[in-house]
Amino acid sequence: MESLVGPALLTLALVAIGGYLLGSIPFGLLSARIAGIDIRTVGSGNIGATNVLRTGRKDLALLALIGDSGKGALAVLLAGLLTHWLPAAMAIAAGAAFTGHLFPVWLKFKGGKGVATFFGTMLAIAWPAGLLAGVTWLVIAFLFRISSLAGLTAVALAPFFALATEQPYPVVVLAVFMAVLVFFRHRDNIGRLLKGQEPKIGAGKDQPPPAEGPSDAKA
């Protein structure tokens, strides 16, 4: 029994490190560079798909969205294949990829806000809960036309969706972990929401985005 502990811990360590490095790939930054644009000099300076969209290139924004969500899903699937679909290992990989997106080593730990990567990991590790979270985003976005509010609502309800769909305990813990970090990364957005100053989806395309605090400078 003890002889299995070492290899198991090594596997989990590899899953965590691999997930983090995969999650650290800044697809928003890379997709914008296809057009010769440094996304950090555009709009709010964010490296996410929303800011890539401000370049006027919907194709590049879509590429960033697919990349940021796909890397979370890929981390989960690779961990599953490596560990024979062990929920704890997949949750570790998902959490590591999510952390990598928020705090990428390549960009001095200044990354994105995590909503796209959250959806990618949740759909891969627990698609019923991820699907419910996605529907929540769509409903809130349709009703209020505020992307950040939709994302915050979706991630806040994700742990309850995981419980309601009887997901393994590691998945529930993962959902809570990601929700806490998403709220942390959105603290400036929350401040604007409370003041009624958060821009709506599709509004102010010809105007610069609202000023963001240090925490969002590269989100």
C-alpha atoms as a PDB file:
ATOM      1  CA  MET A   1       0.000   0.000   0.000  1.00  0.00           C
ATOM      2  CA  GLU A   2       2.773   2.394   0.968  1.00  0.00           C
ATOM      3  CA  SER A   3       4.532   1.655  -2.305  1.00  0.00           C
ATOM      4  CA  LEU A   4       1.583   3.194  -4.142  1.00  0.00           C
ATOM      5  CA  VAL A   5       1.620   6.473  -2.224  1.00  0.00           C
ATOM      6  CA  GLY A   6       4.764   7.845  -3.890  1.00  0.00           C
ATOM      7  CA  PRO A   7       3.629   7.292  -7.506  1.00  0.00           C
ATOM      8  CA  ALA A   8       0.133   8.579  -6.674  1.00  0.00           C
ATOM      9  CA  LEU A   9       1.498  11.791  -5.183  1.00  0.00           C
ATOM     10  CA  LEU A  10       3.844  12.213  -8.143  1.00  0.00           C
ATOM     11  CA  THR A  11       0.929  11.802 -10.546  1.00  0.00           C
ATOM     12  CA  LEU A  12      -1.148  14.401  -8.698  1.00  0.00           C
ATOM     13  CA  ALA A  13       1.833  16.762  -8.686  1.00  0.00           C
ATOM     14  CA  LEU A  14       2.257  16.339 -12.445  1.00  0.00           C
ATOM     15  CA  VAL A  15      -1.464  16.902 -12.950  1.00  0.00           C
ATOM     16  CA  ALA A  16      -1.331  20.096 -10.915  1.00  0.00           C
ATOM     17  CA  ILE A  17       1.793  21.486 -12.590  1.00  0.00           C
ATOM     18  CA  GLY A  18       0.616  20.524 -16.059  1.00  0.00           C
ATOM     19  CA  GLY A  19      -2.811  22.034 -15.440  1.00  0.00           C
ATOM     20  CA  TYR A  20      -1.298  25.278 -14.198  1.00  0.00           C
ATOM     21  CA  LEU A  21       1.061  25.634 -17.161  1.00  0.00           C
ATOM     22  CA  LEU A  22      -1.757  24.872 -19.591  1.00  0.00           C
ATOM     23  CA  GLY A  23      -4.038  27.385 -17.897  1.00  0.00           C
ATOM     24  CA  SER A  24      -1.289  30.005 -18.011  1.00  0.00           C
ATOM     25  CA  ILE A  25      -1.357  30.179 -21.822  1.00  0.00           C
ATOM     26  CA  PRO A  26      -2.758  33.707 -22.549  1.00  0.00           C
ATOM     27  CA  PHE A  27      -4.973  33.010 -25.546  1.00  0.00           C
ATOM     28  CA  GLY A  28      -6.385  36.550 -25.568  1.00  0.00           C
ATOM     29  CA  LEU A  29      -2.923  38.013 -25.859  1.00  0.00           C
ATOM     30  CA  LEU A  30      -1.860  35.489 -28.481  1.00  0.00           C
ATOM     31  CA  SER A  31      -4.991  35.819 -30.612  1.00  0.00           C
ATOM     32  CA  ALA A  32      -4.674  39.611 -30.757  1.00  0.00           C
ATOM     33  CA  ARG A  33      -1.069  39.274 -31.857  1.00  0.00           C
ATOM     34  CA  ILE A  34      -2.288  37.551 -35.001  1.00  0.00           C
ATOM     35  CA  ALA A  35      -3.440  41.010 -36.074  1.00  0.00           C
ATOM     36  CA  GLY A  36      -0.285  42.628 -34.756  1.00  0.00           C
ATOM     37  CA  ILE A  37      -2.074  44.045 -31.700  1.00  0.00           C
ATOM     38  CA  ASP A  38      -0.848  44.053 -28.121  1.00  0.00           C
ATOM     39  CA  ILE A  39      -4.180  43.670 -26.329  1.00  0.00           C
ATOM     40  CA  ARG A  40      -2.667  45.174 -23.191  1.00  0.00           C
ATOM     41  CA  THR A  41      -2.632  48.541 -24.974  1.00  0.00           C
ATOM     42  CA  VAL A  42      -6.287  48.337 -26.062  1.00  0.00           C
ATOM     43  CA  GLY A  43      -9.351  49.375 -24.070  1.00  0.00           C
ATOM     44  CA  SER A  44      -9.000  48.350 -20.447  1.00  0.00           C
ATOM     45  CA  GLY A  45      -5.782  46.429 -21.102  1.00  0.00           C
ATOM     46  CA  ASN A  46      -7.494  43.142 -20.212  1.00  0.00           C
ATOM     47  CA  ILE A  47      -6.249  39.977 -21.908  1.00  0.00           C
ATOM     48  CA  GLY A  48      -9.688  38.345 -22.046  1.00  0.00           C
ATOM     49  CA  ALA A  49     -12.034  37.854 -24.995  1.00  0.00           C
ATOM     50  CA  THR A  50     -14.194  40.852 -24.053  1.00  0.00           C
ATOM     51  CA  ASN A  51     -11.292  43.230 -24.483  1.00  0.00           C
ATOM     52  CA  VAL A  52     -10.148  41.449 -27.654  1.00  0.00           C
ATOM     53  CA  LEU A  53     -13.613  42.204 -29.019  1.00  0.00           C
ATOM     54  CA  ARG A  54     -12.882  45.916 -28.556  1.00  0.00           C
ATOM     55  CA  THR A  55     -10.322  45.643 -31.334  1.00  0.00           C
ATOM     56  CA  GLY A  56     -13.238  45.139 -33.719  1.00  0.00           C
ATOM     57  CA  ARG A  57     -12.116  41.611 -34.566  1.00  0.00           C
ATOM     58  CA  LYS A  58     -14.908  39.230 -33.597  1.00  0.00           C
ATOM     59  CA  ASP A  59     -12.970  36.311 -35.021  1.00  0.00           C
ATOM     60  CA  LEU A  60     -10.033  36.958 -32.710  1.00  0.00           C
ATOM     61  CA  ALA A  61     -12.363  37.415 -29.725  1.00  0.00           C
ATOM     62  CA  LEU A  62     -13.989  34.075 -30.518  1.00  0.00           C
ATOM     63  CA  LEU A  63     -10.560  32.469 -30.783  1.00  0.00           C
ATOM     64  CA  ALA A  64      -9.638  33.865 -27.357  1.00  0.00           C
ATOM     65  CA  LEU A  65     -12.906  32.623 -25.877  1.00  0.00           C
ATOM     66  CA  ILE A  66     -12.439  29.127 -27.275  1.00  0.00           C
ATOM     67  CA  GLY A  67      -8.839  29.017 -26.119  1.00  0.00           C
ATOM     68  CA  ASP A  68      -9.514  30.236 -22.581  1.00  0.00           C
ATOM     69  CA  SER A  69     -12.408  27.841 -22.069  1.00  0.00           C
ATOM     70  CA  GLY A  70     -10.811  24.981 -23.965  1.00  0.00           C
ATOM     71  CA  LYS A  71      -7.610  24.943 -21.931  1.00  0.00           C
ATOM     72  CA  GLY A  72      -9.607  24.315 -18.757  1.00  0.00           C
ATOM     73  CA  ALA A  73     -11.526  21.506 -20.402  1.00  0.00           C
ATOM     74  CA  LEU A  74      -8.339  20.008 -21.847  1.00  0.00           C
ATOM     75  CA  ALA A  75      -6.652  20.008 -18.433  1.00  0.00           C
ATOM     76  CA  VAL A  76      -9.582  18.052 -16.994  1.00  0.00           C
ATOM     77  CA  LEU A  77      -9.659  15.528 -19.837  1.00  0.00           C
ATOM     78  CA  LEU A  78      -5.904  14.915 -19.774  1.00  0.00           C
ATOM     79  CA  ALA A  79      -5.985  14.401 -16.007  1.00  0.00           C
ATOM     80  CA  GLY A  80      -8.883  11.991 -16.432  1.00  0.00           C
ATOM     81  CA  LEU A  81      -7.015   9.940 -19.022  1.00  0.00           C
ATOM     82  CA  LEU A  82      -3.885   9.888 -16.872  1.00  0.00           C
ATOM     83  CA  THR A  83      -5.646   8.835 -13.647  1.00  0.00           C
ATOM     84  CA  HIS A  84      -8.462   6.656 -15.003  1.00  0.00           C
ATOM     85  CA  TRP A  85     -11.031   9.420 -14.430  1.00  0.00           C
ATOM     86  CA  LEU A  86     -10.318   9.983 -10.748  1.00  0.00           C
ATOM     87  CA  PRO A  87     -12.564  12.921  -9.679  1.00  0.00           C
ATOM     88  CA  ALA A  88     -10.032  14.335  -7.221  1.00  0.00           C
ATOM     89  CA  ALA A  89      -7.260  14.381  -9.825  1.00  0.00           C
ATOM     90  CA  MET A  90      -9.512  16.016 -12.416  1.00  0.00           C
ATOM     91  CA  ALA A  91     -10.597  18.620  -9.873  1.00  0.00           C
ATOM     92  CA  ILE A  92      -6.953  19.374  -9.039  1.00  0.00           C
ATOM     93  CA  ALA A  93      -6.143  19.776 -12.731  1.00  0.00           C
ATOM     94  CA  ALA A  94      -9.168  22.031 -13.219  1.00  0.00           C
ATOM     95  CA  GLY A  95      -8.309  24.184 -10.219  1.00  0.00           C
ATOM     96  CA  ALA A  96      -4.683  24.423 -11.329  1.00  0.00           C
ATOM     97  CA  ALA A  97      -5.643  25.443 -14.881  1.00  0.00           C
ATOM     98  CA  PHE A  98      -8.076  28.009 -13.510  1.00  0.00           C
ATOM     99  CA  THR A  99      -5.393  29.412 -11.199  1.00  0.00           C
ATOM    100  CA  GLY A 100      -2.965  29.523 -14.107  1.00  0.00           C
ATOM    101  CA  HIS A 101      -5.393  31.618 -16.121  1.00  0.00           C
ATOM    102  CA  LEU A 102      -5.814  34.113 -13.285  1.00  0.00           C
ATOM    103  CA  PHE A 103      -2.141  34.194 -12.317  1.00  0.00           C
ATOM    104  CA  PRO A 104      -0.064  33.158 -15.362  1.00  0.00           C
ATOM    105  CA  VAL A 105       3.655  32.785 -14.800  1.00  0.00           C
ATOM    106  CA  TRP A 106       4.330  34.158 -18.309  1.00  0.00           C
ATOM    107  CA  LEU A 107       2.694  37.527 -17.524  1.00  0.00           C
ATOM    108  CA  LYS A 108       4.080  38.154 -14.048  1.00  0.00           C
ATOM    109  CA  PHE A 109       0.993  36.505 -12.527  1.00  0.00           C
ATOM    110  CA  LYS A 110      -1.369  39.145 -13.981  1.00  0.00           C
ATOM    111  CA  GLY A 111      -4.047  37.248 -15.883  1.00  0.00           C
ATOM    112  CA  GLY A 112      -7.744  37.115 -16.608  1.00  0.00           C
ATOM    113  CA  LYS A 113     -10.886  37.092 -14.525  1.00  0.00           C
ATOM    114  CA  GLY A 114     -11.659  33.451 -15.144  1.00  0.00           C
ATOM    115  CA  VAL A 115     -15.256  33.222 -16.334  1.00  0.00           C
ATOM    116  CA  ALA A 116     -14.486  31.531 -19.671  1.00  0.00           C
ATOM    117  CA  THR A 117     -12.050  29.088 -18.058  1.00  0.00           C
ATOM    118  CA  PHE A 118     -14.587  28.415 -15.311  1.00  0.00           C
ATOM    119  CA  PHE A 119     -17.179  27.337 -17.880  1.00  0.00           C
ATOM    120  CA  GLY A 120     -14.669  25.171 -19.743  1.00  0.00           C
ATOM    121  CA  THR A 121     -13.624  23.302 -16.615  1.00  0.00           C
ATOM    122  CA  MET A 122     -17.163  22.869 -15.301  1.00  0.00           C
ATOM    123  CA  LEU A 123     -18.504  21.549 -18.596  1.00  0.00           C
ATOM    124  CA  ALA A 124     -15.641  19.055 -18.788  1.00  0.00           C
ATOM    125  CA  ILE A 125     -15.710  17.816 -15.204  1.00  0.00           C
ATOM    126  CA  ALA A 126     -19.466  17.978 -14.535  1.00  0.00           C
ATOM    127  CA  TRP A 127     -21.424  18.890 -17.644  1.00  0.00           C
ATOM    128  CA  PRO A 128     -24.874  18.977 -15.976  1.00  0.00           C
ATOM    129  CA  ALA A 129     -23.690  21.594 -13.469  1.00  0.00           C
ATOM    130  CA  GLY A 130     -21.741  23.428 -16.155  1.00  0.00           C
ATOM    131  CA  LEU A 131     -24.762  23.460 -18.435  1.00  0.00           C
ATOM    132  CA  LEU A 132     -26.978  24.879 -15.678  1.00  0.00           C
ATOM    133  CA  ALA A 133     -24.376  27.573 -15.016  1.00  0.00           C
ATOM    134  CA  GLY A 134     -24.298  28.390 -18.720  1.00  0.00           C
ATOM    135  CA  VAL A 135     -28.074  28.709 -18.871  1.00  0.00           C
ATOM    136  CA  THR A 136     -27.913  30.977 -15.830  1.00  0.00           C
ATOM    137  CA  TRP A 137     -25.416  33.223 -17.612  1.00  0.00           C
ATOM    138  CA  LEU A 138     -27.658  33.438 -20.669  1.00  0.00           C
ATOM    139  CA  VAL A 139     -30.785  34.248 -18.653  1.00  0.00           C
ATOM    140  CA  ILE A 140     -29.133  36.956 -16.535  1.00  0.00           C
ATOM    141  CA  ALA A 141     -27.361  38.442 -19.564  1.00  0.00           C
ATOM    142  CA  PHE A 142     -30.663  38.552 -21.468  1.00  0.00           C
ATOM    143  CA  LEU A 143     -32.559  40.148 -18.576  1.00  0.00           C
ATOM    144  CA  PHE A 144     -29.979  42.703 -17.422  1.00  0.00           C
ATOM    145  CA  ARG A 145     -27.547  42.982 -20.366  1.00  0.00           C
ATOM    146  CA  ILE A 146     -24.559  43.040 -18.005  1.00  0.00           C
ATOM    147  CA  SER A 147     -21.874  40.434 -18.659  1.00  0.00           C
ATOM    148  CA  SER A 148     -20.149  40.662 -15.271  1.00  0.00           C
ATOM    149  CA  LEU A 149     -23.437  40.254 -13.400  1.00  0.00           C
ATOM    150  CA  ALA A 150     -24.263  37.199 -15.500  1.00  0.00           C
ATOM    151  CA  GLY A 151     -20.863  35.659 -14.824  1.00  0.00           C
ATOM    152  CA  LEU A 152     -20.942  36.357 -11.098  1.00  0.00           C
ATOM    153  CA  THR A 153     -24.430  34.908 -10.763  1.00  0.00           C
ATOM    154  CA  ALA A 154     -23.464  31.780 -12.696  1.00  0.00           C
ATOM    155  CA  VAL A 155     -20.352  31.057 -10.644  1.00  0.00           C
ATOM    156  CA  ALA A 156     -22.146  31.800  -7.360  1.00  0.00           C
ATOM    157  CA  LEU A 157     -24.808  29.200  -8.178  1.00  0.00           C
ATOM    158  CA  ALA A 158     -22.375  26.621  -9.576  1.00  0.00           C
ATOM    159  CA  PRO A 159     -21.663  24.906  -6.214  1.00  0.00           C
ATOM    160  CA  PHE A 160     -25.402  24.489  -5.677  1.00  0.00           C
ATOM    161  CA  PHE A 161     -25.799  23.122  -9.195  1.00  0.00           C
ATOM    162  CA  ALA A 162     -23.005  20.643  -8.433  1.00  0.00           C
ATOM    163  CA  LEU A 163     -24.799  19.530  -5.275  1.00  0.00           C
ATOM    164  CA  ALA A 164     -28.181  19.347  -6.999  1.00  0.00           C
ATOM    165  CA  THR A 165     -26.786  17.129  -9.756  1.00  0.00           C
ATOM    166  CA  GLU A 166     -25.021  14.909  -7.185  1.00  0.00           C
ATOM    167  CA  GLN A 167     -21.470  15.577  -8.332  1.00  0.00           C
ATOM    168  CA  PRO A 168     -18.520  14.091  -6.397  1.00  0.00           C
ATOM    169  CA  TYR A 169     -17.280  16.074  -3.410  1.00  0.00           C
ATOM    170  CA  PRO A 170     -14.079  17.254  -5.174  1.00  0.00           C
ATOM    171  CA  VAL A 171     -16.219  18.876  -7.882  1.00  0.00           C
ATOM    172  CA  VAL A 172     -18.258  20.778  -5.304  1.00  0.00           C
ATOM    173  CA  VAL A 173     -15.065  22.017  -3.644  1.00  0.00           C
ATOM    174  CA  LEU A 174     -13.719  23.024  -7.067  1.00  0.00           C
ATOM    175  CA  ALA A 175     -16.870  25.011  -7.824  1.00  0.00           C
ATOM    176  CA  VAL A 176     -16.581  26.879  -4.515  1.00  0.00           C
ATOM    177  CA  PHE A 177     -12.862  27.521  -5.094  1.00  0.00           C
ATOM    178  CA  MET A 178     -13.445  28.992  -8.555  1.00  0.00           C
ATOM    179  CA  ALA A 179     -16.421  31.069  -7.404  1.00  0.00           C
ATOM    180  CA  VAL A 180     -14.363  32.679  -4.634  1.00  0.00           C
ATOM    181  CA  LEU A 181     -11.552  33.580  -7.031  1.00  0.00           C
ATOM    182  CA  VAL A 182     -13.931  34.901  -9.692  1.00  0.00           C
ATOM    183  CA  PHE A 183     -15.537  37.206  -7.138  1.00  0.00           C
ATOM    184  CA  PHE A 184     -12.075  38.321  -5.998  1.00  0.00           C
ATOM    185  CA  ARG A 185     -11.007  39.145  -9.559  1.00  0.00           C
ATOM    186  CA  HIS A 186     -14.291  40.982 -10.192  1.00  0.00           C
ATOM    187  CA  ARG A 187     -14.175  43.186  -7.100  1.00  0.00           C
ATOM    188  CA  ASP A 188     -13.914  46.389  -9.158  1.00  0.00           C
ATOM    189  CA  ASN A 189     -16.829  45.221 -11.322  1.00  0.00           C
ATOM    190  CA  ILE A 190     -18.824  44.565  -8.166  1.00  0.00           C
ATOM    191  CA  GLY A 191     -18.111  48.102  -7.011  1.00  0.00           C
ATOM    192  CA  ARG A 192     -19.420  49.484 -10.299  1.00  0.00           C
ATOM    193  CA  LEU A 193     -22.470  47.206 -10.127  1.00  0.00           C
ATOM    194  CA  LEU A 194     -23.332  48.567  -6.691  1.00  0.00           C
ATOM    195  CA  LYS A 195     -23.023  52.106  -8.039  1.00  0.00           C
ATOM    196  CA  GLY A 196     -25.036  51.321 -11.178  1.00  0.00           C
ATOM    197  CA  GLN A 197     -22.028  52.168 -13.354  1.00  0.00           C
ATOM    198  CA  GLU A 198     -21.258  48.807 -14.927  1.00  0.00           C
ATOM    199  CA  PRO A 199     -21.634  49.047 -18.741  1.00  0.00           C
ATOM    200  CA  LYS A 200     -24.181  46.877 -20.473  1.00  0.00           C
ATOM    201  CA  ILE A 201     -23.486  44.384 -23.220  1.00  0.00           C
ATOM    202  CA  GLY A 202     -23.143  46.159 -26.556  1.00  0.00           C
ATOM    203  CA  ALA A 203     -23.230  49.633 -25.017  1.00  0.00           C
ATOM    204  CA  GLY A 204     -20.590  52.280 -25.444  1.00  0.00           C
ATOM    205  CA  LYS A 205     -18.781  50.613 -28.318  1.00  0.00           C
ATOM    206  CA  ASP A 206     -17.522  53.999 -29.431  1.00  0.00           C
ATOM    207  CA  GLN A 207     -16.471  54.994 -25.947  1.00  0.00           C
ATOM    208  CA  PRO A 208     -13.542  53.782 -23.829  1.00  0.00           C
ATOM    209  CA  PRO A 209     -14.403  51.260 -21.117  1.00  0.00           C
ATOM    210  CA  PRO A 210     -14.721  52.518 -17.542  1.00  0.00           C
ATOM    211  CA  ALA A 211     -11.512  53.043 -15.630  1.00  0.00           C
ATOM    212  CA  GLU A 212     -10.452  49.931 -13.774  1.00  0.00           C
ATOM    213  CA  GLY A 213      -8.438  49.521 -10.619  1.00  0.00           C
ATOM    214  CA  PRO A 214      -5.065  47.821 -10.336  1.00  0.00           C
ATOM    215  CA  SER A 215      -6.694  44.433  -9.815  1.00  0.00           C
ATOM    216  CA  ASP A 216      -8.301  44.524 -13.256  1.00  0.00           C
ATOM    217  CA  ALA A 217      -5.497  46.166 -15.175  1.00  0.00           C
ATOM    218  CA  LYS A 218      -4.538  42.938 -16.927  1.00  0.00           C
ATOM    219  CA  ALA A 219      -7.593  40.774 -16.249  1.00  0.00           C
END
